[in-house]
């Protein structure tokens, strides 16, 4: 059995493609999916374990990781995908509940899940990939920029801070081709190039004299 992977963000196209490719290579996958319940209810098929995850609840996040360990005994790879908040009206018309939704789900959820995974991944000399999928070319609203900035800033500092035995990096896609993007980042997880550890990989399909995809200190 290949290493056990936990992938958040299965509600996104990038998340679904990533899960599909990890399963195809024989890796068991844990997929937390958004739900209101704080208990991690399980739906399983083959090597895919789907767990209900209330992104705004610390208790639910702990329950997801606990249930994953009960099923597989370990987690070897963590893929944390940023999920952009829903489109809102002009910021002057945004309700306080809208702001709470962004803070609780788009920001707190990823941070809480990462915190629960870190000790397990460090223990198994595992892999952590922070993933920023492609976002539409529309002008981001303030709350979208808040969530995006929080994820990139958190990820940049985190992948440089983790213990040396944990191989951590981050990925950002500048392409709408989620299929090729996920293929590439799985290849990088497998090969673990030394220059990528603790840094960002920016994926683009563009072919230029000076290269397309690049490795960066920050996105």
N, C-alpha and C. Protein backbone atom coordinates (compact mmCIF):
# COMPACT_ATOMS: atom_id res chain seq x y z
N UNK A 1 0.84 -1.20 0.00
CA UNK A 1 0.00 0.00 0.00
C UNK A 1 0.87 1.24 0.00
N UNK A 2 0.58 2.17 -0.90
CA UNK A 2 1.30 3.44 -0.90
C UNK A 2 0.89 4.26 0.32
N UNK A 3 1.64 5.35 0.55
CA UNK A 3 1.37 6.18 1.71
C UNK A 3 -0.04 6.73 1.72
N UNK A 4 -0.58 6.92 2.92
CA UNK A 4 -1.93 7.45 3.10
C UNK A 4 -1.91 8.97 2.94
N UNK A 5 -2.80 9.50 2.11
CA UNK A 5 -2.85 10.94 1.85
C UNK A 5 -4.16 11.53 2.36
N UNK A 6 -4.07 12.69 2.99
CA UNK A 6 -5.27 13.45 3.34
C UNK A 6 -5.32 14.67 2.43
N UNK A 7 -6.47 14.87 1.78
CA UNK A 7 -6.62 15.97 0.82
C UNK A 7 -7.84 16.80 1.19
N UNK A 8 -7.64 18.06 1.54
CA UNK A 8 -8.78 18.94 1.76
C UNK A 8 -9.16 19.60 0.43
N UNK A 9 -10.32 20.21 0.38
CA UNK A 9 -10.70 20.94 -0.83
C UNK A 9 -11.24 20.07 -1.94
N UNK A 10 -11.83 18.91 -1.59
CA UNK A 10 -12.37 18.04 -2.64
C UNK A 10 -13.58 18.66 -3.33
N UNK A 11 -14.10 19.76 -2.78
CA UNK A 11 -15.21 20.46 -3.43
C UNK A 11 -14.74 21.25 -4.66
N UNK A 12 -13.44 21.43 -4.79
CA UNK A 12 -12.88 22.16 -5.93
C UNK A 12 -12.47 21.19 -7.03
N UNK A 13 -12.35 21.70 -8.27
CA UNK A 13 -11.91 20.86 -9.39
C UNK A 13 -10.50 20.34 -9.13
N UNK A 14 -9.62 21.20 -8.65
CA UNK A 14 -8.25 20.78 -8.36
C UNK A 14 -8.23 19.68 -7.30
N UNK A 15 -9.04 19.82 -6.27
CA UNK A 15 -9.10 18.80 -5.23
C UNK A 15 -9.58 17.47 -5.76
N UNK A 16 -10.62 17.50 -6.59
CA UNK A 16 -11.15 16.25 -7.16
C UNK A 16 -10.12 15.57 -8.06
N UNK A 17 -9.42 16.35 -8.88
CA UNK A 17 -8.40 15.79 -9.76
C UNK A 17 -7.25 15.19 -8.95
N UNK A 18 -6.86 15.88 -7.89
CA UNK A 18 -5.77 15.40 -7.06
C UNK A 18 -6.13 14.07 -6.41
N UNK A 19 -7.33 13.98 -5.87
CA UNK A 19 -7.78 12.73 -5.25
C UNK A 19 -7.83 11.61 -6.28
N UNK A 20 -8.36 11.91 -7.45
CA UNK A 20 -8.46 10.92 -8.51
C UNK A 20 -7.09 10.33 -8.87
N UNK A 21 -6.09 11.18 -8.98
CA UNK A 21 -4.75 10.73 -9.38
C UNK A 21 -4.04 9.99 -8.25
N UNK A 22 -4.25 10.42 -7.02
CA UNK A 22 -3.65 9.71 -5.88
C UNK A 22 -4.24 8.31 -5.75
N UNK A 23 -5.55 8.19 -5.94
CA UNK A 23 -6.19 6.88 -5.90
C UNK A 23 -5.68 5.99 -7.03
N UNK A 24 -5.47 6.58 -8.20
CA UNK A 24 -5.01 5.82 -9.37
C UNK A 24 -3.62 5.23 -9.14
N UNK A 25 -2.81 5.89 -8.33
CA UNK A 25 -1.47 5.35 -8.08
C UNK A 25 -1.46 4.38 -6.89
N UNK A 26 -2.64 4.17 -6.30
CA UNK A 26 -2.75 3.18 -5.23
C UNK A 26 -2.67 3.73 -3.83
N UNK A 27 -2.76 5.05 -3.68
CA UNK A 27 -2.70 5.65 -2.34
C UNK A 27 -4.09 5.72 -1.72
N UNK A 28 -4.28 5.22 -0.50
CA UNK A 28 -5.52 5.48 0.21
C UNK A 28 -5.65 6.99 0.46
N UNK A 29 -6.85 7.51 0.31
CA UNK A 29 -7.07 8.95 0.45
C UNK A 29 -8.17 9.23 1.46
N UNK A 30 -7.91 10.17 2.35
CA UNK A 30 -8.92 10.69 3.26
C UNK A 30 -9.35 12.05 2.72
N UNK A 31 -10.64 12.23 2.52
CA UNK A 31 -11.16 13.48 1.96
C UNK A 31 -12.18 14.11 2.89
N UNK A 32 -11.78 15.11 3.68
CA UNK A 32 -12.76 15.83 4.50
C UNK A 32 -13.62 16.72 3.59
N UNK A 33 -14.93 16.64 3.74
CA UNK A 33 -15.83 17.45 2.93
C UNK A 33 -16.68 18.33 3.84
N UNK A 34 -17.02 19.50 3.36
CA UNK A 34 -17.73 20.49 4.16
C UNK A 34 -19.08 19.97 4.60
N UNK A 35 -19.40 20.22 5.85
CA UNK A 35 -20.69 19.85 6.40
C UNK A 35 -20.88 20.55 7.73
N UNK A 36 -22.12 20.61 8.19
CA UNK A 36 -22.40 21.31 9.44
C UNK A 36 -22.11 20.47 10.67
N UNK A 37 -22.06 19.15 10.51
CA UNK A 37 -21.88 18.26 11.67
C UNK A 37 -20.48 18.40 12.25
N UNK A 38 -20.39 18.30 13.57
CA UNK A 38 -19.07 18.34 14.22
C UNK A 38 -18.47 16.94 14.32
N UNK A 39 -19.32 15.91 14.26
CA UNK A 39 -18.81 14.54 14.26
C UNK A 39 -18.41 14.16 12.83
N UNK A 40 -17.34 13.40 12.72
CA UNK A 40 -16.82 13.04 11.40
C UNK A 40 -17.51 11.78 10.89
N UNK A 41 -18.67 11.93 10.27
CA UNK A 41 -19.37 10.78 9.71
C UNK A 41 -18.63 10.30 8.47
N UNK A 42 -18.51 8.98 8.33
CA UNK A 42 -17.66 8.40 7.29
C UNK A 42 -18.48 7.76 6.17
N UNK A 43 -18.02 8.01 4.94
CA UNK A 43 -18.52 7.30 3.77
C UNK A 43 -17.30 6.77 3.03
N UNK A 44 -17.24 5.46 2.81
CA UNK A 44 -16.02 4.89 2.24
C UNK A 44 -16.33 4.05 1.01
N UNK A 45 -15.39 4.02 0.09
CA UNK A 45 -15.42 3.10 -1.04
C UNK A 45 -13.99 2.85 -1.48
N UNK A 46 -13.67 1.61 -1.72
CA UNK A 46 -12.31 1.26 -2.11
C UNK A 46 -11.30 1.89 -1.15
N UNK A 47 -10.39 2.69 -1.71
CA UNK A 47 -9.36 3.33 -0.88
C UNK A 47 -9.70 4.77 -0.53
N UNK A 48 -10.94 5.20 -0.76
CA UNK A 48 -11.34 6.58 -0.48
C UNK A 48 -12.22 6.62 0.75
N UNK A 49 -11.80 7.41 1.73
CA UNK A 49 -12.56 7.60 2.98
C UNK A 49 -13.01 9.06 3.04
N UNK A 50 -14.30 9.29 2.91
CA UNK A 50 -14.86 10.65 2.93
C UNK A 50 -15.41 10.92 4.32
N UNK A 51 -14.96 12.03 4.93
CA UNK A 51 -15.37 12.38 6.28
C UNK A 51 -16.02 13.76 6.31
N UNK A 52 -17.14 13.87 7.00
CA UNK A 52 -17.79 15.16 7.16
C UNK A 52 -16.94 16.07 8.02
N UNK A 53 -16.74 17.31 7.55
CA UNK A 53 -15.86 18.24 8.26
C UNK A 53 -16.51 19.61 8.36
N UNK A 54 -16.76 20.03 9.57
CA UNK A 54 -17.21 21.39 9.84
C UNK A 54 -15.97 22.28 9.93
N UNK A 55 -15.67 23.02 8.87
CA UNK A 55 -14.42 23.76 8.78
C UNK A 55 -14.27 24.81 9.87
N UNK A 56 -15.36 25.25 10.45
CA UNK A 56 -15.28 26.30 11.47
C UNK A 56 -15.13 25.74 12.88
N UNK A 57 -15.07 24.41 13.01
CA UNK A 57 -15.04 23.79 14.33
C UNK A 57 -13.69 23.11 14.60
N UNK A 58 -13.02 23.51 15.67
CA UNK A 58 -11.78 22.85 16.08
C UNK A 58 -12.08 21.39 16.44
N UNK A 59 -13.21 21.17 17.11
CA UNK A 59 -13.57 19.81 17.52
C UNK A 59 -13.75 18.91 16.31
N UNK A 60 -14.43 19.41 15.28
CA UNK A 60 -14.66 18.63 14.07
C UNK A 60 -13.35 18.32 13.36
N UNK A 61 -12.43 19.27 13.34
CA UNK A 61 -11.13 19.04 12.71
C UNK A 61 -10.38 17.93 13.42
N UNK A 62 -10.37 17.96 14.75
CA UNK A 62 -9.73 16.89 15.51
C UNK A 62 -10.40 15.55 15.23
N UNK A 63 -11.74 15.56 15.11
CA UNK A 63 -12.48 14.32 14.86
C UNK A 63 -12.12 13.73 13.51
N UNK A 64 -11.94 14.57 12.49
CA UNK A 64 -11.56 14.10 11.16
C UNK A 64 -10.22 13.35 11.22
N UNK A 65 -9.25 13.97 11.86
CA UNK A 65 -7.93 13.35 11.94
C UNK A 65 -7.98 12.07 12.79
N UNK A 66 -8.74 12.10 13.86
CA UNK A 66 -8.87 10.91 14.71
C UNK A 66 -9.50 9.75 13.93
N UNK A 67 -10.55 10.03 13.15
CA UNK A 67 -11.20 8.99 12.38
C UNK A 67 -10.28 8.45 11.29
N UNK A 68 -9.49 9.32 10.70
CA UNK A 68 -8.55 8.88 9.67
C UNK A 68 -7.52 7.92 10.27
N UNK A 69 -7.05 8.22 11.47
CA UNK A 69 -6.07 7.35 12.12
C UNK A 69 -6.69 6.02 12.54
N UNK A 70 -7.94 6.05 12.95
CA UNK A 70 -8.61 4.81 13.32
C UNK A 70 -8.73 3.88 12.10
N UNK A 71 -8.91 4.47 10.94
CA UNK A 71 -9.08 3.66 9.72
C UNK A 71 -7.76 3.15 9.16
N UNK A 72 -6.75 4.04 9.10
CA UNK A 72 -5.51 3.68 8.42
C UNK A 72 -4.29 3.57 9.34
N UNK A 73 -4.39 4.12 10.55
CA UNK A 73 -3.27 4.01 11.48
C UNK A 73 -2.20 5.06 11.31
N UNK A 74 -2.21 5.78 10.19
CA UNK A 74 -1.19 6.80 9.95
C UNK A 74 -1.64 7.73 8.82
N UNK A 75 -0.97 8.87 8.71
CA UNK A 75 -1.15 9.78 7.57
C UNK A 75 0.26 10.17 7.12
N UNK A 76 0.56 9.91 5.86
CA UNK A 76 1.90 10.14 5.34
C UNK A 76 2.03 11.44 4.56
N UNK A 77 0.93 11.88 3.94
CA UNK A 77 0.96 13.10 3.12
C UNK A 77 -0.27 13.94 3.41
N UNK A 78 -0.05 15.24 3.53
CA UNK A 78 -1.15 16.16 3.71
C UNK A 78 -1.18 17.18 2.59
N UNK A 79 -2.31 17.32 1.94
CA UNK A 79 -2.50 18.30 0.87
C UNK A 79 -3.59 19.27 1.34
N UNK A 80 -3.19 20.49 1.64
CA UNK A 80 -4.13 21.50 2.13
C UNK A 80 -4.42 22.47 1.00
N UNK A 81 -5.65 22.45 0.50
CA UNK A 81 -6.04 23.31 -0.62
C UNK A 81 -6.79 24.53 -0.12
N UNK A 82 -6.40 25.68 -0.64
CA UNK A 82 -7.13 26.90 -0.33
C UNK A 82 -8.48 26.86 -1.03
N UNK A 83 -9.52 27.23 -0.30
CA UNK A 83 -10.84 27.33 -0.89
C UNK A 83 -11.29 28.78 -0.82
N UNK A 84 -11.44 29.38 -1.99
CA UNK A 84 -11.85 30.77 -2.05
C UNK A 84 -13.26 30.92 -1.49
N UNK A 85 -13.55 32.02 -0.82
CA UNK A 85 -14.90 32.23 -0.28
C UNK A 85 -15.89 32.48 -1.41
N UNK A 86 -17.17 32.37 -1.15
CA UNK A 86 -18.17 32.65 -2.19
C UNK A 86 -18.11 34.12 -2.59
N UNK A 87 -18.64 34.40 -3.77
CA UNK A 87 -18.66 35.79 -4.24
C UNK A 87 -19.62 36.60 -3.39
N UNK A 88 -19.16 37.78 -2.97
CA UNK A 88 -19.99 38.67 -2.17
C UNK A 88 -20.30 39.94 -2.94
N UNK A 89 -21.21 40.67 -2.39
CA UNK A 89 -21.55 41.98 -2.96
C UNK A 89 -20.43 42.97 -2.68
N UNK A 90 -20.64 44.21 -3.06
CA UNK A 90 -19.73 45.28 -2.69
C UNK A 90 -19.48 45.23 -1.19
N UNK A 91 -18.23 45.47 -0.79
CA UNK A 91 -17.87 45.29 0.62
C UNK A 91 -18.75 46.12 1.56
N UNK A 92 -19.17 47.27 1.12
CA UNK A 92 -20.02 48.12 1.97
C UNK A 92 -21.36 47.44 2.27
N UNK A 93 -21.74 46.47 1.45
CA UNK A 93 -23.02 45.78 1.64
C UNK A 93 -22.85 44.41 2.30
N UNK A 94 -21.61 44.03 2.59
CA UNK A 94 -21.36 42.71 3.19
C UNK A 94 -21.87 42.69 4.63
N UNK A 95 -22.51 41.59 4.98
CA UNK A 95 -23.03 41.43 6.34
C UNK A 95 -21.95 40.89 7.28
N UNK A 96 -22.13 41.07 8.55
CA UNK A 96 -21.16 40.55 9.51
C UNK A 96 -21.06 39.03 9.43
N UNK A 97 -22.18 38.38 9.11
CA UNK A 97 -22.17 36.92 8.99
C UNK A 97 -21.32 36.48 7.80
N UNK A 98 -21.27 37.29 6.73
CA UNK A 98 -20.42 36.98 5.58
C UNK A 98 -18.95 37.00 5.98
N UNK A 99 -18.58 38.01 6.76
CA UNK A 99 -17.19 38.12 7.22
C UNK A 99 -16.84 36.94 8.11
N UNK A 100 -17.76 36.56 8.99
CA UNK A 100 -17.51 35.41 9.87
C UNK A 100 -17.33 34.14 9.05
N UNK A 101 -18.10 33.99 7.98
CA UNK A 101 -17.98 32.80 7.13
C UNK A 101 -16.58 32.70 6.54
N UNK A 102 -16.06 33.81 6.04
CA UNK A 102 -14.72 33.81 5.46
C UNK A 102 -13.67 33.49 6.51
N UNK A 103 -13.76 34.14 7.67
CA UNK A 103 -12.78 33.91 8.73
C UNK A 103 -12.83 32.48 9.24
N UNK A 104 -14.03 31.95 9.43
CA UNK A 104 -14.20 30.63 10.03
C UNK A 104 -13.89 29.50 9.06
N UNK A 105 -14.27 29.66 7.79
CA UNK A 105 -14.15 28.54 6.86
C UNK A 105 -12.95 28.65 5.92
N UNK A 106 -12.77 29.78 5.25
CA UNK A 106 -11.68 29.89 4.29
C UNK A 106 -10.32 30.06 4.96
N UNK A 107 -10.31 30.59 6.18
CA UNK A 107 -9.03 30.82 6.86
C UNK A 107 -8.82 29.83 8.01
N UNK A 108 -9.72 29.83 8.96
CA UNK A 108 -9.56 29.00 10.16
C UNK A 108 -9.50 27.51 9.82
N UNK A 109 -10.32 27.07 8.86
CA UNK A 109 -10.37 25.65 8.53
C UNK A 109 -9.02 25.10 8.11
N UNK A 110 -8.36 25.79 7.18
CA UNK A 110 -7.06 25.32 6.69
C UNK A 110 -6.00 25.33 7.79
N UNK A 111 -6.03 26.37 8.61
CA UNK A 111 -5.05 26.48 9.68
C UNK A 111 -5.27 25.37 10.72
N UNK A 112 -6.52 25.12 11.07
CA UNK A 112 -6.83 24.09 12.07
C UNK A 112 -6.40 22.71 11.58
N UNK A 113 -6.70 22.40 10.32
CA UNK A 113 -6.35 21.08 9.79
C UNK A 113 -4.84 20.91 9.70
N UNK A 114 -4.16 21.96 9.30
CA UNK A 114 -2.69 21.90 9.22
C UNK A 114 -2.09 21.65 10.59
N UNK A 115 -2.61 22.34 11.59
CA UNK A 115 -2.08 22.17 12.95
C UNK A 115 -2.25 20.73 13.45
N UNK A 116 -3.38 20.12 13.14
CA UNK A 116 -3.62 18.74 13.57
C UNK A 116 -2.74 17.75 12.82
N UNK A 117 -2.42 18.04 11.57
CA UNK A 117 -1.63 17.12 10.76
C UNK A 117 -0.14 17.18 11.05
N UNK A 118 0.37 18.35 11.40
CA UNK A 118 1.82 18.53 11.52
C UNK A 118 2.51 17.48 12.40
N UNK A 119 2.06 17.22 13.62
CA UNK A 119 2.77 16.23 14.45
C UNK A 119 2.80 14.85 13.81
N UNK A 120 1.73 14.48 13.12
CA UNK A 120 1.67 13.16 12.48
C UNK A 120 2.63 13.07 11.30
N UNK A 121 2.68 14.13 10.51
CA UNK A 121 3.56 14.14 9.34
C UNK A 121 5.03 14.21 9.76
N UNK A 122 5.30 14.94 10.82
CA UNK A 122 6.68 15.01 11.33
C UNK A 122 7.11 13.65 11.88
N UNK A 123 6.18 12.96 12.50
CA UNK A 123 6.48 11.65 13.07
C UNK A 123 6.79 10.62 11.98
N UNK A 124 6.10 10.73 10.85
CA UNK A 124 6.27 9.75 9.77
C UNK A 124 7.27 10.21 8.71
N UNK A 125 8.00 11.32 8.97
CA UNK A 125 8.89 11.90 7.96
C UNK A 125 8.12 12.11 6.65
N UNK A 126 6.95 12.69 6.79
CA UNK A 126 6.02 12.77 5.67
C UNK A 126 6.17 13.99 4.78
N UNK A 127 5.08 14.28 4.08
CA UNK A 127 5.04 15.36 3.09
C UNK A 127 3.86 16.26 3.37
N UNK A 128 4.10 17.58 3.25
CA UNK A 128 3.02 18.56 3.38
C UNK A 128 3.04 19.47 2.16
N UNK A 129 1.93 19.52 1.44
CA UNK A 129 1.82 20.41 0.29
C UNK A 129 0.68 21.39 0.48
N UNK A 130 0.99 22.67 0.50
CA UNK A 130 -0.03 23.72 0.57
C UNK A 130 -0.34 24.12 -0.88
N UNK A 131 -1.60 24.11 -1.25
CA UNK A 131 -1.98 24.26 -2.66
C UNK A 131 -2.93 25.42 -2.86
N UNK A 132 -2.56 26.32 -3.77
CA UNK A 132 -3.40 27.45 -4.14
C UNK A 132 -3.87 27.22 -5.58
N UNK A 133 -5.09 26.71 -5.77
CA UNK A 133 -5.57 26.43 -7.12
C UNK A 133 -5.75 27.71 -7.93
N UNK A 134 -5.94 27.54 -9.23
CA UNK A 134 -6.17 28.68 -10.11
C UNK A 134 -7.47 29.37 -9.73
N UNK A 135 -7.43 30.70 -9.74
CA UNK A 135 -8.63 31.48 -9.49
C UNK A 135 -8.97 32.27 -10.74
N UNK A 136 -10.25 32.55 -10.92
CA UNK A 136 -10.70 33.24 -12.13
C UNK A 136 -10.03 34.60 -12.25
N UNK A 137 -10.05 35.13 -13.46
CA UNK A 137 -9.38 36.41 -13.72
C UNK A 137 -10.17 37.62 -13.28
N UNK A 138 -11.32 37.42 -12.63
CA UNK A 138 -12.11 38.55 -12.18
C UNK A 138 -11.38 39.30 -11.07
N UNK A 139 -11.67 40.57 -10.93
CA UNK A 139 -11.03 41.38 -9.89
C UNK A 139 -11.48 40.87 -8.52
N UNK A 140 -10.55 40.47 -7.64
CA UNK A 140 -10.96 39.91 -6.34
C UNK A 140 -11.59 40.98 -5.45
N UNK A 141 -12.60 40.57 -4.70
CA UNK A 141 -13.19 41.50 -3.74
C UNK A 141 -12.36 41.49 -2.47
N UNK A 142 -12.58 42.43 -1.56
CA UNK A 142 -11.72 42.52 -0.36
C UNK A 142 -11.68 41.25 0.47
N UNK A 143 -12.81 40.57 0.63
CA UNK A 143 -12.81 39.35 1.44
C UNK A 143 -12.07 38.22 0.74
N UNK A 144 -12.16 38.16 -0.58
CA UNK A 144 -11.39 37.17 -1.33
C UNK A 144 -9.90 37.43 -1.17
N UNK A 145 -9.52 38.71 -1.25
CA UNK A 145 -8.11 39.07 -1.08
C UNK A 145 -7.64 38.74 0.33
N UNK A 146 -8.51 38.94 1.32
CA UNK A 146 -8.17 38.60 2.70
C UNK A 146 -7.86 37.12 2.84
N UNK A 147 -8.75 36.27 2.32
CA UNK A 147 -8.56 34.83 2.43
C UNK A 147 -7.33 34.38 1.65
N UNK A 148 -7.14 34.92 0.46
CA UNK A 148 -6.00 34.57 -0.39
C UNK A 148 -4.69 34.97 0.30
N UNK A 149 -4.64 36.19 0.81
CA UNK A 149 -3.43 36.68 1.48
C UNK A 149 -3.11 35.90 2.74
N UNK A 150 -4.15 35.54 3.49
CA UNK A 150 -3.94 34.76 4.71
C UNK A 150 -3.34 33.39 4.39
N UNK A 151 -3.86 32.75 3.35
CA UNK A 151 -3.35 31.42 2.98
C UNK A 151 -1.92 31.49 2.49
N UNK A 152 -1.62 32.43 1.61
CA UNK A 152 -0.26 32.52 1.07
C UNK A 152 0.74 32.92 2.14
N UNK A 153 0.39 33.87 2.98
CA UNK A 153 1.30 34.29 4.04
C UNK A 153 1.54 33.19 5.06
N UNK A 154 0.48 32.53 5.47
CA UNK A 154 0.59 31.42 6.41
C UNK A 154 1.44 30.30 5.82
N UNK A 155 1.17 29.95 4.56
CA UNK A 155 1.89 28.84 3.92
C UNK A 155 3.37 29.15 3.76
N UNK A 156 3.69 30.38 3.34
CA UNK A 156 5.08 30.77 3.13
C UNK A 156 5.90 30.62 4.41
N UNK A 157 5.35 31.09 5.52
CA UNK A 157 6.07 30.99 6.79
C UNK A 157 6.12 29.55 7.28
N UNK A 158 5.02 28.83 7.14
CA UNK A 158 4.93 27.47 7.66
C UNK A 158 5.94 26.53 7.01
N UNK A 159 6.02 26.55 5.69
CA UNK A 159 6.88 25.58 5.00
C UNK A 159 8.36 25.84 5.25
N UNK A 160 8.68 27.03 5.76
CA UNK A 160 10.06 27.33 6.12
C UNK A 160 10.35 27.02 7.58
N UNK A 161 9.30 26.86 8.39
CA UNK A 161 9.44 26.69 9.83
C UNK A 161 9.43 25.23 10.27
N UNK A 162 8.81 24.34 9.50
CA UNK A 162 8.61 22.97 9.95
C UNK A 162 9.95 22.25 10.17
N UNK A 163 9.89 21.16 10.91
CA UNK A 163 11.09 20.39 11.21
C UNK A 163 11.71 19.83 9.93
N UNK A 164 13.01 19.61 9.96
CA UNK A 164 13.74 19.19 8.76
C UNK A 164 13.27 17.85 8.23
N UNK A 165 12.77 16.98 9.10
CA UNK A 165 12.35 15.66 8.62
C UNK A 165 11.01 15.69 7.88
N UNK A 166 10.29 16.81 7.96
CA UNK A 166 9.03 16.96 7.21
C UNK A 166 9.32 17.72 5.91
N UNK A 167 9.01 17.09 4.79
CA UNK A 167 9.27 17.70 3.48
C UNK A 167 8.05 18.53 3.11
N UNK A 168 8.18 19.86 3.20
CA UNK A 168 7.05 20.76 2.98
C UNK A 168 7.35 21.76 1.86
N UNK A 169 6.34 22.04 1.08
CA UNK A 169 6.44 23.06 0.03
C UNK A 169 5.04 23.55 -0.28
N UNK A 170 4.93 24.46 -1.24
CA UNK A 170 3.62 25.01 -1.61
C UNK A 170 3.53 25.11 -3.13
N UNK A 171 2.31 25.09 -3.63
CA UNK A 171 2.08 25.10 -5.07
C UNK A 171 1.01 26.14 -5.41
N UNK A 172 1.22 26.85 -6.50
CA UNK A 172 0.23 27.80 -6.99
C UNK A 172 0.06 27.60 -8.49
N UNK A 173 -1.18 27.57 -8.95
CA UNK A 173 -1.46 27.36 -10.37
C UNK A 173 -1.88 28.67 -11.02
N UNK A 174 -1.23 28.97 -12.13
CA UNK A 174 -1.61 30.12 -12.96
C UNK A 174 -2.30 29.63 -14.23
N UNK A 175 -2.76 28.39 -14.21
CA UNK A 175 -3.38 27.78 -15.38
C UNK A 175 -4.75 27.23 -15.02
N UNK A 176 -5.65 27.22 -16.00
CA UNK A 176 -6.98 26.64 -15.79
C UNK A 176 -6.94 25.12 -15.94
N UNK A 177 -5.81 24.56 -16.34
CA UNK A 177 -5.70 23.12 -16.58
C UNK A 177 -5.40 22.39 -15.27
N UNK A 178 -6.46 22.06 -14.53
CA UNK A 178 -6.30 21.39 -13.23
C UNK A 178 -5.73 19.99 -13.40
N UNK A 179 -6.01 19.35 -14.52
CA UNK A 179 -5.52 17.99 -14.75
C UNK A 179 -4.00 17.96 -14.82
N UNK A 180 -3.42 18.83 -15.62
CA UNK A 180 -1.96 18.87 -15.76
C UNK A 180 -1.30 19.39 -14.49
N UNK A 181 -1.93 20.35 -13.84
CA UNK A 181 -1.38 20.90 -12.61
C UNK A 181 -1.25 19.82 -11.54
N UNK A 182 -2.31 19.04 -11.34
CA UNK A 182 -2.26 18.01 -10.31
C UNK A 182 -1.29 16.89 -10.67
N UNK A 183 -1.19 16.57 -11.96
CA UNK A 183 -0.19 15.58 -12.38
C UNK A 183 1.21 16.05 -12.02
N UNK A 184 1.47 17.31 -12.28
CA UNK A 184 2.80 17.86 -12.02
C UNK A 184 3.13 17.89 -10.54
N UNK A 185 2.20 18.31 -9.70
CA UNK A 185 2.55 18.44 -8.28
C UNK A 185 2.70 17.07 -7.62
N UNK A 186 1.99 16.05 -8.12
CA UNK A 186 2.21 14.70 -7.61
C UNK A 186 3.59 14.21 -8.02
N UNK A 187 4.01 14.52 -9.24
CA UNK A 187 5.36 14.17 -9.68
C UNK A 187 6.41 14.81 -8.77
N UNK A 188 6.16 16.06 -8.38
CA UNK A 188 7.11 16.76 -7.51
C UNK A 188 7.11 16.17 -6.11
N UNK A 189 5.95 15.73 -5.63
CA UNK A 189 5.91 15.06 -4.33
C UNK A 189 6.76 13.79 -4.38
N UNK A 190 6.68 13.07 -5.49
CA UNK A 190 7.44 11.82 -5.63
C UNK A 190 8.95 12.07 -5.71
N UNK A 191 9.34 13.09 -6.49
CA UNK A 191 10.77 13.33 -6.73
C UNK A 191 11.42 14.20 -5.66
N UNK A 192 10.64 15.09 -5.03
CA UNK A 192 11.13 15.97 -3.97
C UNK A 192 12.46 16.64 -4.34
N UNK A 193 12.47 17.50 -5.36
CA UNK A 193 13.70 18.21 -5.71
C UNK A 193 14.19 19.10 -4.57
N UNK A 194 15.46 19.07 -4.30
CA UNK A 194 16.01 19.78 -3.14
C UNK A 194 15.69 21.27 -3.17
N UNK A 195 15.70 21.87 -4.35
CA UNK A 195 15.50 23.32 -4.43
C UNK A 195 14.06 23.74 -4.13
N UNK A 196 13.13 22.77 -4.11
CA UNK A 196 11.73 23.11 -3.85
C UNK A 196 11.37 23.08 -2.37
N UNK A 197 12.13 22.36 -1.57
CA UNK A 197 11.78 22.24 -0.15
C UNK A 197 11.73 23.61 0.52
N UNK A 198 10.61 23.90 1.18
CA UNK A 198 10.44 25.18 1.86
C UNK A 198 10.13 26.34 0.93
N UNK A 199 9.77 26.04 -0.34
CA UNK A 199 9.52 27.10 -1.31
C UNK A 199 8.22 26.84 -2.07
N UNK A 200 7.87 27.77 -2.94
CA UNK A 200 6.67 27.68 -3.77
C UNK A 200 7.02 27.23 -5.18
N UNK A 201 6.14 26.40 -5.74
CA UNK A 201 6.23 26.03 -7.15
C UNK A 201 5.06 26.69 -7.87
N UNK A 202 5.36 27.54 -8.83
CA UNK A 202 4.32 28.22 -9.61
C UNK A 202 4.16 27.53 -10.95
N UNK A 203 2.98 26.99 -11.18
CA UNK A 203 2.72 26.24 -12.41
C UNK A 203 2.03 27.12 -13.45
N UNK A 204 2.54 27.09 -14.67
CA UNK A 204 1.90 27.75 -15.79
C UNK A 204 2.15 26.95 -17.04
N UNK A 205 1.19 26.96 -17.94
CA UNK A 205 1.34 26.24 -19.21
C UNK A 205 2.10 27.05 -20.25
N UNK A 206 2.33 28.31 -19.98
CA UNK A 206 2.98 29.17 -20.96
C UNK A 206 4.39 28.67 -21.26
N UNK A 207 4.76 28.74 -22.53
CA UNK A 207 6.11 28.37 -22.95
C UNK A 207 6.83 29.63 -23.40
N UNK A 208 7.82 30.02 -22.62
CA UNK A 208 8.54 31.26 -22.93
C UNK A 208 10.02 30.95 -23.02
N UNK A 209 10.79 31.89 -23.61
CA UNK A 209 12.23 31.72 -23.70
C UNK A 209 12.84 31.49 -22.32
N UNK A 210 12.30 32.20 -21.34
CA UNK A 210 12.88 32.16 -19.99
C UNK A 210 12.12 31.20 -19.08
N UNK A 211 11.37 30.28 -19.67
CA UNK A 211 10.75 29.23 -18.88
C UNK A 211 9.31 29.54 -18.53
N UNK A 212 8.59 28.51 -18.16
CA UNK A 212 7.20 28.65 -17.78
C UNK A 212 7.06 28.54 -16.27
N UNK A 213 6.92 27.32 -15.78
CA UNK A 213 6.78 27.10 -14.34
C UNK A 213 8.08 27.45 -13.63
N UNK A 214 7.96 27.98 -12.43
CA UNK A 214 9.13 28.45 -11.69
C UNK A 214 9.03 28.09 -10.22
N UNK A 215 10.17 28.14 -9.53
CA UNK A 215 10.22 27.94 -8.07
C UNK A 215 10.54 29.28 -7.43
N UNK A 216 9.72 29.65 -6.44
CA UNK A 216 9.78 30.98 -5.84
C UNK A 216 9.87 30.88 -4.31
N UNK A 217 10.40 31.93 -3.70
CA UNK A 217 10.39 32.01 -2.23
C UNK A 217 9.01 32.39 -1.71
N UNK A 218 8.27 33.15 -2.51
CA UNK A 218 6.91 33.55 -2.16
C UNK A 218 6.13 33.73 -3.46
N UNK A 219 4.83 33.51 -3.47
CA UNK A 219 4.05 33.60 -4.71
C UNK A 219 3.88 35.05 -5.16
